[in-house]
C-alpha atoms as a PDB file:
ATOM      1  CA  MET A   1      -0.070  -0.037   0.101  1.00  0.00           C
ATOM      2  CA  ASP A   2       2.982   2.075  -0.312  1.00  0.00           C
ATOM      3  CA  VAL A   3       2.477   3.572   3.262  1.00  0.00           C
ATOM      4  CA  GLU A   4       5.561   5.493   4.599  1.00  0.00           C
ATOM      5  CA  GLU A   5       4.529   7.122   7.907  1.00  0.00           C
ATOM      6  CA  LEU A   6       2.327   5.278  10.397  1.00  0.00           C
ATOM      7  CA  LEU A   7       0.601   6.550  13.341  1.00  0.00           C
ATOM      8  CA  ILE A   8      -0.561   4.193  16.015  1.00  0.00           C
ATOM      9  CA  THR A   9      -2.946   4.941  18.784  1.00  0.00           C
ATOM     10  CA  GLY A  10      -3.832   2.892  21.805  1.00  0.00           C
ATOM     11  CA  ASP A  11      -5.505   3.577  25.033  1.00  0.00           C
ATOM     12  CA  SER A  12      -2.898   1.882  27.369  1.00  0.00           C
ATOM     13  CA  ASP A  13      -0.060   4.015  28.287  1.00  0.00           C
ATOM     14  CA  LEU A  14       1.959   0.772  29.362  1.00  0.00           C
ATOM     15  CA  ILE A  15       1.525  -0.807  26.065  1.00  0.00           C
ATOM     16  CA  ILE A  16       2.369   2.316  24.085  1.00  0.00           C
ATOM     17  CA  ARG A  17       5.470   3.115  26.173  1.00  0.00           C
ATOM     18  CA  GLN A  18       6.607  -0.344  25.896  1.00  0.00           C
ATOM     19  CA  ALA A  19       6.128  -0.163  22.103  1.00  0.00           C
ATOM     20  CA  GLN A  20       8.230   2.785  21.818  1.00  0.00           C
ATOM     21  CA  GLY A  21      11.052   1.037  23.549  1.00  0.00           C
ATOM     22  CA  GLU A  22      10.772   3.429  26.663  1.00  0.00           C
ATOM     23  CA  TRP A  23       9.697   0.999  29.351  1.00  0.00           C
ATOM     24  CA  GLU A  24      11.017  -2.584  29.224  1.00  0.00           C
ATOM     25  CA  THR A  25       8.408  -5.214  28.310  1.00  0.00           C
ATOM     26  CA  ARG A  26       8.746  -8.160  31.002  1.00  0.00           C
ATOM     27  CA  ASP A  27       5.458  -9.913  30.602  1.00  0.00           C
ATOM     28  CA  ILE A  28       6.262 -13.194  28.784  1.00  0.00           C
ATOM     29  CA  LYS A  29       2.941 -12.987  26.791  1.00  0.00           C
ATOM     30  CA  ILE A  30       3.798  -9.395  25.449  1.00  0.00           C
ATOM     31  CA  ILE A  31       7.517 -10.126  24.231  1.00  0.00           C
ATOM     32  CA  PRO A  32       6.565 -11.716  21.069  1.00  0.00           C
ATOM     33  CA  TYR A  33       4.184  -8.958  20.304  1.00  0.00           C
ATOM     34  CA  ARG A  34       6.752  -6.293  21.181  1.00  0.00           C
ATOM     35  CA  GLN A  35       9.424  -8.018  18.981  1.00  0.00           C
ATOM     36  CA  HIS A  36       6.749  -8.350  16.001  1.00  0.00           C
ATOM     37  CA  VAL A  37       6.060  -4.190  16.467  1.00  0.00           C
ATOM     38  CA  GLU A  38       9.740  -3.601  16.370  1.00  0.00           C
ATOM     39  CA  ASP A  39      10.110  -5.846  13.311  1.00  0.00           C
ATOM     40  CA  LEU A  40       7.126  -4.210  11.124  1.00  0.00           C
ATOM     41  CA  SER A  41       8.485  -0.894  12.401  1.00  0.00           C
ATOM     42  CA  LYS A  42      11.669  -1.173  10.256  1.00  0.00           C
ATOM     43  CA  GLN A  43       9.383  -1.345   7.065  1.00  0.00           C
ATOM     44  CA  PHE A  44       8.449   2.463   7.434  1.00  0.00           C
ATOM     45  CA  LYS A  45      10.087   5.695   7.361  1.00  0.00           C
ATOM     46  CA  SER A  46       8.745   7.042  10.429  1.00  0.00           C
ATOM     47  CA  VAL A  47       6.240   5.259  13.168  1.00  0.00           C
ATOM     48  CA  GLU A  48       4.753   7.409  15.954  1.00  0.00           C
ATOM     49  CA  PHE A  49       2.785   5.849  18.917  1.00  0.00           C
ATOM     50  CA  ARG A  50       0.222   7.975  20.417  1.00  0.00           C
ATOM     51  CA  CYS A  51      -1.599   7.244  23.808  1.00  0.00           C
ATOM     52  CA  ILE A  52      -5.434   8.231  23.558  1.00  0.00           C
ATOM     53  CA  ALA A  53      -7.685   9.246  26.580  1.00  0.00           C
ATOM     54  CA  ARG A  54      -9.978   6.337  27.710  1.00  0.00           C
ATOM     55  CA  PHE A  55     -13.640   7.199  28.466  1.00  0.00           C
ATOM     56  CA  HIS A  56     -16.009   4.440  28.800  1.00  0.00           C
ATOM     57  CA  ASN A  57     -14.112   2.483  26.591  1.00  0.00           C
ATOM     58  CA  GLU A  58     -15.628  -0.966  27.720  1.00  0.00           C
ATOM     59  CA  LEU A  59     -15.417  -2.825  24.459  1.00  0.00           C
ATOM     60  CA  VAL A  60     -11.709  -2.174  24.422  1.00  0.00           C
ATOM     61  CA  ASP A  61     -11.405  -3.505  27.947  1.00  0.00           C
ATOM     62  CA  ALA A  62     -13.423  -6.620  27.287  1.00  0.00           C
ATOM     63  CA  LEU A  63     -11.214  -7.139  23.990  1.00  0.00           C
ATOM     64  CA  ALA A  64      -8.155  -6.826  25.932  1.00  0.00           C
ATOM     65  CA  THR A  65      -9.094  -9.218  28.764  1.00  0.00           C
ATOM     66  CA  LEU A  66     -10.152 -11.753  26.133  1.00  0.00           C
ATOM     67  CA  ALA A  67      -6.693 -11.408  24.285  1.00  0.00           C
ATOM     68  CA  ALA A  68      -4.998 -12.140  27.549  1.00  0.00           C
ATOM     69  CA  MET A  69      -6.864 -15.225  28.085  1.00  0.00           C
ATOM     70  CA  LEU A  70      -6.022 -16.902  24.754  1.00  0.00           C
ATOM     71  CA  PRO A  71      -2.587 -18.525  23.949  1.00  0.00           C
ATOM     72  CA  TYR A  72      -0.406 -16.932  21.545  1.00  0.00           C
ATOM     73  CA  PRO A  73       0.078 -19.238  18.604  1.00  0.00           C
ATOM     74  CA  GLY A  74       3.666 -18.380  17.681  1.00  0.00           C
ATOM     75  CA  ASN A  75       4.508 -17.304  14.351  1.00  0.00           C
ATOM     76  CA  VAL A  76       1.159 -18.051  13.077  1.00  0.00           C
ATOM     77  CA  HIS A  77      -0.680 -15.287  11.135  1.00  0.00           C
ATOM     78  CA  ILE A  78      -3.619 -14.042  13.202  1.00  0.00           C
ATOM     79  CA  ASP A  79      -6.861 -12.948  11.146  1.00  0.00           C
ATOM     80  CA  PRO A  80      -8.148  -9.558  12.205  1.00  0.00           C
ATOM     81  CA  LEU A  81     -11.151  -9.702  14.478  1.00  0.00           C
ATOM     82  CA  GLU A  82     -14.512  -8.188  12.952  1.00  0.00           C
ATOM     83  CA  ILE A  83     -16.712  -6.670  15.385  1.00  0.00           C
ATOM     84  CA  GLN A  84     -20.347  -5.789  14.626  1.00  0.00           C
ATOM     85  CA  ILE A  85     -21.806  -3.079  17.069  1.00  0.00           C
ATOM     86  CA  ARG A  86     -25.751  -3.338  17.106  1.00  0.00           C
ATOM     87  CA  GLU A  87     -27.881  -0.229  18.382  1.00  0.00           C
ATOM     88  CA  ARG A  88     -30.068  -2.612  20.311  1.00  0.00           C
ATOM     89  CA  ASN A  89     -29.932  -5.806  22.215  1.00  0.00           C
ATOM     90  CA  ASP A  90     -30.887  -9.054  20.612  1.00  0.00           C
ATOM     91  CA  TYR A  91     -32.662 -10.303  23.656  1.00  0.00           C
ATOM     92  CA  TYR A  92     -34.085  -9.290  26.644  1.00  0.00           C
ATOM     93  CA  ASN A  93     -36.762  -9.586  29.499  1.00  0.00           C
ATOM     94  CA  ALA A  94     -38.744  -6.912  30.819  1.00  0.00           C
ATOM     95  CA  VAL A  95     -38.559  -7.141  34.744  1.00  0.00           C
ATOM     96  CA  GLU A  96     -39.713  -4.871  37.454  1.00  0.00           C
ATOM     97  CA  VAL A  97     -37.256  -3.091  39.819  1.00  0.00           C
ATOM     98  CA  GLU A  98     -37.313  -3.819  43.252  1.00  0.00           C
ATOM     99  CA  PRO A  99     -35.890  -1.000  45.339  1.00  0.00           C
ATOM    100  CA  TYR A 100     -32.744  -1.870  47.482  1.00  0.00           C
ATOM    101  CA  VAL A 101     -32.310  -5.476  46.107  1.00  0.00           C
ATOM    102  CA  GLN A 102     -28.781  -6.440  45.138  1.00  0.00           C
ATOM    103  CA  PRO A 103     -28.508  -7.472  41.375  1.00  0.00           C
ATOM    104  CA  TRP A 104     -28.744 -11.299  40.736  1.00  0.00           C
ATOM    105  CA  TYR A 105     -24.929 -11.393  40.265  1.00  0.00           C
ATOM    106  CA  HIS A 106     -23.637  -9.686  43.353  1.00  0.00           C
ATOM    107  CA  ASP A 107     -22.314 -12.627  45.064  1.00  0.00           C
ATOM    108  CA  ILE A 108     -20.391 -13.710  42.146  1.00  0.00           C
ATOM    109  CA  LYS A 109     -18.964 -10.266  41.492  1.00  0.00           C
ATOM    110  CA  ARG A 110     -18.089  -9.927  45.160  1.00  0.00           C
ATOM    111  CA  PHE A 111     -16.316 -13.062  45.179  1.00  0.00           C
ATOM    112  CA  LEU A 112     -14.287 -12.528  41.930  1.00  0.00           C
ATOM    113  CA  LYS A 113     -13.374  -9.138  43.319  1.00  0.00           C
ATOM    114  CA  THR A 114     -12.517  -9.804  46.922  1.00  0.00           C
ATOM    115  CA  LYS A 115     -12.412 -13.525  47.335  1.00  0.00           C
ATOM    116  CA  GLU A 116     -15.067 -13.235  50.161  1.00  0.00           C
ATOM    117  CA  TYR A 117     -18.512 -15.122  50.323  1.00  0.00           C
ATOM    118  CA  PRO A 118     -21.794 -13.952  52.057  1.00  0.00           C
ATOM    119  CA  LYS A 119     -21.763 -13.897  55.644  1.00  0.00           C
ATOM    120  CA  GLN A 120     -24.461 -16.618  56.009  1.00  0.00           C
ATOM    121  CA  ALA A 121     -23.373 -18.631  53.460  1.00  0.00           C
ATOM    122  CA  SER A 122     -23.255 -22.482  53.723  1.00  0.00           C
ATOM    123  CA  ARG A 123     -20.506 -24.635  52.557  1.00  0.00           C
ATOM    124  CA  ASP A 124     -22.613 -25.879  49.560  1.00  0.00           C
ATOM    125  CA  GLN A 125     -23.366 -22.267  48.731  1.00  0.00           C
ATOM    126  CA  LYS A 126     -19.783 -21.205  48.719  1.00  0.00           C
ATOM    127  CA  ARG A 127     -19.008 -24.066  46.468  1.00  0.00           C
ATOM    128  CA  THR A 128     -21.836 -22.986  44.160  1.00  0.00           C
ATOM    129  CA  ILE A 129     -20.290 -19.568  44.105  1.00  0.00           C
ATOM    130  CA  ARG A 130     -16.799 -20.638  43.310  1.00  0.00           C
ATOM    131  CA  ARG A 131     -18.296 -22.869  40.466  1.00  0.00           C
ATOM    132  CA  LEU A 132     -20.402 -20.013  38.868  1.00  0.00           C
ATOM    133  CA  ALA A 133     -17.576 -17.769  39.243  1.00  0.00           C
ATOM    134  CA  SER A 134     -15.266 -19.747  36.936  1.00  0.00           C
ATOM    135  CA  SER A 135     -17.468 -18.847  33.919  1.00  0.00           C
ATOM    136  CA  PHE A 136     -17.574 -15.087  34.560  1.00  0.00           C
ATOM    137  CA  PHE A 137     -14.740 -12.467  34.692  1.00  0.00           C
ATOM    138  CA  LEU A 138     -14.458  -8.935  36.048  1.00  0.00           C
ATOM    139  CA  SER A 139     -13.107  -6.103  33.848  1.00  0.00           C
ATOM    140  CA  GLY A 140     -13.177  -3.000  35.944  1.00  0.00           C
ATOM    141  CA  GLU A 141     -16.502  -2.801  37.571  1.00  0.00           C
ATOM    142  CA  ILE A 142     -18.248  -4.760  34.603  1.00  0.00           C
ATOM    143  CA  LEU A 143     -18.885  -8.543  35.126  1.00  0.00           C
ATOM    144  CA  TYR A 144     -18.947 -10.711  31.725  1.00  0.00           C
ATOM    145  CA  LYS A 145     -20.132 -14.351  31.474  1.00  0.00           C
ATOM    146  CA  ARG A 146     -18.232 -16.367  29.237  1.00  0.00           C
ATOM    147  CA  THR A 147     -20.181 -18.623  26.878  1.00  0.00           C
ATOM    148  CA  PRO A 148     -18.724 -21.976  25.656  1.00  0.00           C
ATOM    149  CA  ASP A 149     -17.749 -20.333  22.314  1.00  0.00           C
ATOM    150  CA  LEU A 150     -15.977 -17.573  23.966  1.00  0.00           C
ATOM    151  CA  ASN A 151     -18.583 -15.028  23.372  1.00  0.00           C
ATOM    152  CA  LEU A 152     -19.091 -12.305  25.998  1.00  0.00           C
ATOM    153  CA  LEU A 153     -22.372 -11.610  27.672  1.00  0.00           C
ATOM    154  CA  ARG A 154     -22.347  -8.327  29.828  1.00  0.00           C
ATOM    155  CA  CYS A 155     -24.169  -8.984  33.226  1.00  0.00           C
ATOM    156  CA  VAL A 156     -26.563  -6.316  33.893  1.00  0.00           C
ATOM    157  CA  ASP A 157     -29.338  -5.895  36.597  1.00  0.00           C
ATOM    158  CA  ALA A 158     -32.814  -4.465  36.232  1.00  0.00           C
ATOM    159  CA  LYS A 159     -31.852  -0.828  36.950  1.00  0.00           C
ATOM    160  CA  GLU A 160     -28.929  -1.072  34.185  1.00  0.00           C
ATOM    161  CA  ALA A 161     -31.360  -2.831  31.651  1.00  0.00           C
ATOM    162  CA  GLU A 162     -33.740   0.103  32.075  1.00  0.00           C
ATOM    163  CA  LYS A 163     -30.949   2.584  31.362  1.00  0.00           C
ATOM    164  CA  ILE A 164     -29.681   0.667  28.266  1.00  0.00           C
ATOM    165  CA  MET A 165     -33.309   0.448  26.889  1.00  0.00           C
ATOM    166  CA  ASN A 166     -34.049   4.171  27.173  1.00  0.00           C
END
């Protein structure tokens, strides 16, 4: 495509500084990517890395979390990921909001965040929370359910669903 100058933007100051060579890359999973960026950069007259501000960048956070979970396949070409952003949810159920009630995923989210169980939880309830938590992951304050085909479902309570629908 005869590109000579390249501007690369990202929302992770750490990754941008590592790509520029300002900071050392110690994470074993990132080192091959860093080397690949360095090799590719030699094909251009100039390459500039720029960190952009992050405001409500939940999709990027979810993709970064997903990428960290997948094994790096070595020198194999990785096809680009195509993402479709839809304006409305495909499926939803109408529910009535009860005041001062914790969301359905409260115990799972708390366990993932602090490794704590509810105070009155029995041994069986603790085991159930651990088992359920294994198919969820927390990205910041947002809880996602991992499906068997690695799709991500954002967990919302009735209040959040109502905001999204409006």
